[in-house]
C-alpha atoms as a PDB file:
ATOM      1  CA  MET A   1      -9.054   8.715 -15.223  1.00  0.00           C
ATOM      2  CA  GLU A   2     -11.038   9.041 -18.513  1.00  0.00           C
ATOM      3  CA  PHE A   3      -8.633   6.576 -20.368  1.00  0.00           C
ATOM      4  CA  LEU A   4      -8.550   4.074 -17.579  1.00  0.00           C
ATOM      5  CA  TRP A   5     -12.410   4.061 -17.366  1.00  0.00           C
ATOM      6  CA  ASP A   6     -12.757   3.667 -21.168  1.00  0.00           C
ATOM      7  CA  LYS A   7      -9.868   1.042 -21.385  1.00  0.00           C
ATOM      8  CA  GLY A   8     -10.190  -0.834 -18.140  1.00  0.00           C
ATOM      9  CA  SER A   9      -6.576  -0.485 -17.501  1.00  0.00           C
ATOM     10  CA  GLY A  10      -3.367   1.168 -18.320  1.00  0.00           C
ATOM     11  CA  THR A  11       0.261   1.827 -17.816  1.00  0.00           C
ATOM     12  CA  VAL A  12       1.961   5.164 -17.215  1.00  0.00           C
ATOM     13  CA  LYS A  13       3.097   5.038 -20.877  1.00  0.00           C
ATOM     14  CA  GLU A  14      -0.292   4.367 -22.160  1.00  0.00           C
ATOM     15  CA  VAL A  15      -1.907   7.124 -20.226  1.00  0.00           C
ATOM     16  CA  ARG A  16       0.877   9.490 -21.308  1.00  0.00           C
ATOM     17  CA  THR A  17       0.368   8.433 -24.971  1.00  0.00           C
ATOM     18  CA  TYR A  18      -3.253   9.118 -24.721  1.00  0.00           C
ATOM     19  CA  LEU A  19      -2.685  12.659 -22.844  1.00  0.00           C
ATOM     20  CA  GLY A  20      -0.021  13.689 -25.699  1.00  0.00           C
ATOM     21  CA  GLU A  21       3.532  12.414 -24.908  1.00  0.00           C
ATOM     22  CA  ASN A  22       4.797  16.246 -25.323  1.00  0.00           C
ATOM     23  CA  ARG A  23       2.287  17.564 -22.637  1.00  0.00           C
ATOM     24  CA  PHE A  24       3.510  15.823 -19.748  1.00  0.00           C
ATOM     25  CA  ALA A  25       6.846  14.313 -18.304  1.00  0.00           C
ATOM     26  CA  HIS A  26       6.689  10.569 -17.906  1.00  0.00           C
ATOM     27  CA  THR A  27       7.552  11.338 -14.020  1.00  0.00           C
ATOM     28  CA  THR A  28       4.515  13.760 -13.911  1.00  0.00           C
ATOM     29  CA  VAL A  29       2.025  11.073 -15.028  1.00  0.00           C
ATOM     30  CA  MET A  30       3.652   8.393 -12.896  1.00  0.00           C
ATOM     31  CA  THR A  31       3.531  10.636  -9.894  1.00  0.00           C
ATOM     32  CA  VAL A  32      -0.178  11.512 -10.415  1.00  0.00           C
ATOM     33  CA  MET A  33      -1.005   7.874 -10.824  1.00  0.00           C
ATOM     34  CA  ASP A  34       1.081   6.878  -7.840  1.00  0.00           C
ATOM     35  CA  ARG A  35      -0.788   9.430  -5.739  1.00  0.00           C
ATOM     36  CA  LEU A  36      -4.244   8.127  -7.062  1.00  0.00           C
ATOM     37  CA  TYR A  37      -3.307   4.658  -6.000  1.00  0.00           C
ATOM     38  CA  LYS A  38      -2.164   5.813  -2.676  1.00  0.00           C
ATOM     39  CA  LYS A  39      -5.384   7.492  -2.241  1.00  0.00           C
ATOM     40  CA  GLY A  40      -7.217   4.115  -3.287  1.00  0.00           C
ATOM     41  CA  ILE A  41      -8.695   5.670  -6.272  1.00  0.00           C
ATOM     42  CA  LEU A  42      -6.521   2.979  -8.360  1.00  0.00           C
ATOM     43  CA  ARG A  43      -5.210  -0.307  -7.852  1.00  0.00           C
ATOM     44  CA  ARG A  44      -2.101  -1.619  -9.558  1.00  0.00           C
ATOM     45  CA  LYS A  45      -0.292  -4.802 -10.536  1.00  0.00           C
ATOM     46  CA  LYS A  46       3.286  -5.144 -11.215  1.00  0.00           C
ATOM     47  CA  GLU A  47       3.895  -5.289 -15.251  1.00  0.00           C
ATOM     48  CA  GLY A  48       7.581  -5.462 -16.199  1.00  0.00           C
ATOM     49  CA  LYS A  49       9.650  -2.454 -14.700  1.00  0.00           C
ATOM     50  CA  GLY A  50       6.235  -0.622 -13.869  1.00  0.00           C
ATOM     51  CA  TYR A  51       2.683  -1.081 -12.940  1.00  0.00           C
ATOM     52  CA  ARG A  52      -0.796  -1.794 -14.825  1.00  0.00           C
ATOM     53  CA  TYR A  53      -3.267   0.669 -13.243  1.00  0.00           C
ATOM     54  CA  CYS A  54      -7.189  -0.021 -13.088  1.00  0.00           C
ATOM     55  CA  PRO A  55      -9.849   2.278 -11.531  1.00  0.00           C
ATOM     56  CA  VAL A  56     -11.286   0.995  -8.296  1.00  0.00           C
ATOM     57  CA  MET A  57     -14.630   2.404  -8.899  1.00  0.00           C
ATOM     58  CA  SER A  58     -16.736   3.391 -12.132  1.00  0.00           C
ATOM     59  CA  ARG A  59     -16.828   7.049 -13.412  1.00  0.00           C
ATOM     60  CA  GLU A  60     -20.477   7.374 -11.749  1.00  0.00           C
ATOM     61  CA  GLU A  61     -19.238   6.136  -8.269  1.00  0.00           C
ATOM     62  CA  PHE A  62     -16.035   8.406  -8.481  1.00  0.00           C
ATOM     63  CA  GLU A  63     -18.295  11.546  -9.350  1.00  0.00           C
ATOM     64  CA  ARG A  64     -20.700  10.680  -6.408  1.00  0.00           C
ATOM     65  CA  GLU A  65     -17.884  10.035  -3.923  1.00  0.00           C
ATOM     66  CA  MET A  66     -16.071  13.247  -4.985  1.00  0.00           C
ATOM     67  CA  ALA A  67     -19.237  15.246  -4.784  1.00  0.00           C
ATOM     68  CA  LYS A  68     -19.836  13.764  -1.393  1.00  0.00           C
ATOM     69  CA  ARG A  69     -16.375  15.043  -0.216  1.00  0.00           C
ATOM     70  CA  VAL A  70     -16.844  18.525  -1.657  1.00  0.00           C
ATOM     71  CA  VAL A  71     -20.120  18.753   0.134  1.00  0.00           C
ATOM     72  CA  SER A  72     -18.837  17.493   3.290  1.00  0.00           C
ATOM     73  CA  ASP A  73     -15.881  19.613   3.315  1.00  0.00           C
ATOM     74  CA  ILE A  74     -17.793  22.802   2.554  1.00  0.00           C
ATOM     75  CA  ILE A  75     -20.283  21.997   5.399  1.00  0.00           C
ATOM     76  CA  LYS A  76     -17.309  21.565   7.813  1.00  0.00           C
ATOM     77  CA  SER A  77     -15.276  24.691   6.788  1.00  0.00           C
ATOM     78  CA  SER A  78     -18.125  27.074   6.313  1.00  0.00           C
ATOM     79  CA  PRO A  79     -19.802  28.865   9.293  1.00  0.00           C
ATOM     80  CA  SER A  80     -22.957  29.135   7.591  1.00  0.00           C
ATOM     81  CA  GLY A  81     -22.973  25.247   6.713  1.00  0.00           C
ATOM     82  CA  VAL A  82     -25.843  24.399   4.543  1.00  0.00           C
ATOM     83  CA  ALA A  83     -26.688  27.930   3.586  1.00  0.00           C
ATOM     84  CA  ALA A  84     -23.363  27.667   1.607  1.00  0.00           C
ATOM     85  CA  PHE A  85     -25.226  26.090  -1.213  1.00  0.00           C
ATOM     86  CA  GLU A  86     -27.751  28.570  -1.861  1.00  0.00           C
ATOM     87  CA  GLY A  87     -25.565  29.916  -4.696  1.00  0.00           C
ATOM     88  CA  VAL A  88     -25.433  26.421  -6.315  1.00  0.00           C
ATOM     89  CA  VAL A  89     -29.074  25.775  -5.941  1.00  0.00           C
ATOM     90  CA  GLU A  90     -30.141  28.998  -7.424  1.00  0.00           C
ATOM     91  CA  GLU A  91     -28.034  27.864 -10.745  1.00  0.00           C
ATOM     92  CA  LEU A  92     -30.308  24.464 -10.988  1.00  0.00           C
ATOM     93  CA  SER A  93     -32.868  24.157 -13.607  1.00  0.00           C
ATOM     94  CA  GLU A  94     -36.463  23.358 -12.799  1.00  0.00           C
ATOM     95  CA  GLU A  95     -35.858  19.738 -13.871  1.00  0.00           C
ATOM     96  CA  GLU A  96     -32.541  19.542 -11.749  1.00  0.00           C
ATOM     97  CA  ILE A  97     -34.628  20.812  -8.714  1.00  0.00           C
ATOM     98  CA  GLU A  98     -37.261  18.394  -9.146  1.00  0.00           C
ATOM     99  CA  LYS A  99     -34.488  15.624  -9.246  1.00  0.00           C
ATOM    100  CA  LEU A 100     -32.921  16.931  -5.989  1.00  0.00           C
ATOM    101  CA  ARG A 101     -36.387  16.878  -4.546  1.00  0.00           C
ATOM    102  CA  GLU A 102     -36.688  13.305  -5.181  1.00  0.00           C
ATOM    103  CA  ILE A 103     -33.609  12.447  -3.699  1.00  0.00           C
ATOM    104  CA  LEU A 104     -34.316  14.478  -0.598  1.00  0.00           C
ATOM    105  CA  ASN A 105     -37.719  12.772  -0.317  1.00  0.00           C
ATOM    106  CA  ARG A 106     -36.348   9.200  -0.639  1.00  0.00           C
ATOM    107  CA  LYS A 107     -33.620  10.301   1.933  1.00  0.00           C
ATOM    108  CA  VAL A 108     -36.316  11.508   4.388  1.00  0.00           C
ATOM    109  CA  LYS A 109     -38.353   8.189   3.882  1.00  0.00           C
ATOM    110  CA  ASP A 110     -35.285   5.816   4.375  1.00  0.00           C
ATOM    111  CA  GLU A 111     -34.557   7.787   7.687  1.00  0.00           C
ATOM    112  CA  ASN A 112     -37.960   7.393   8.762  1.00  0.00           C
ATOM    113  CA  LYS A 113     -38.088   3.391   8.422  1.00  0.00           C
END
């Protein structure tokens, strides 16, 4: 994903070169990119015998979406729900806690409109 976000698009060969050709087989990179396409994370356009892949969302949008999915999965699968995040909150700095407060306050204001 880093390569695709930086370059805007890429083929399996280009991504494999970026990763180091000896690290992963062509079919491994192709399989991962195909799965990301099927999950809607990448789009692709036919190019020669293969495809050129492009990210569907920015790095920031992707990180936000993945965080939402993780939080949702934890809350749904944990008997203690939100309490499961206590350990995460304990690791936050004062600055991060203040930012979290601002986000929560904004959320509450939006819901009360």
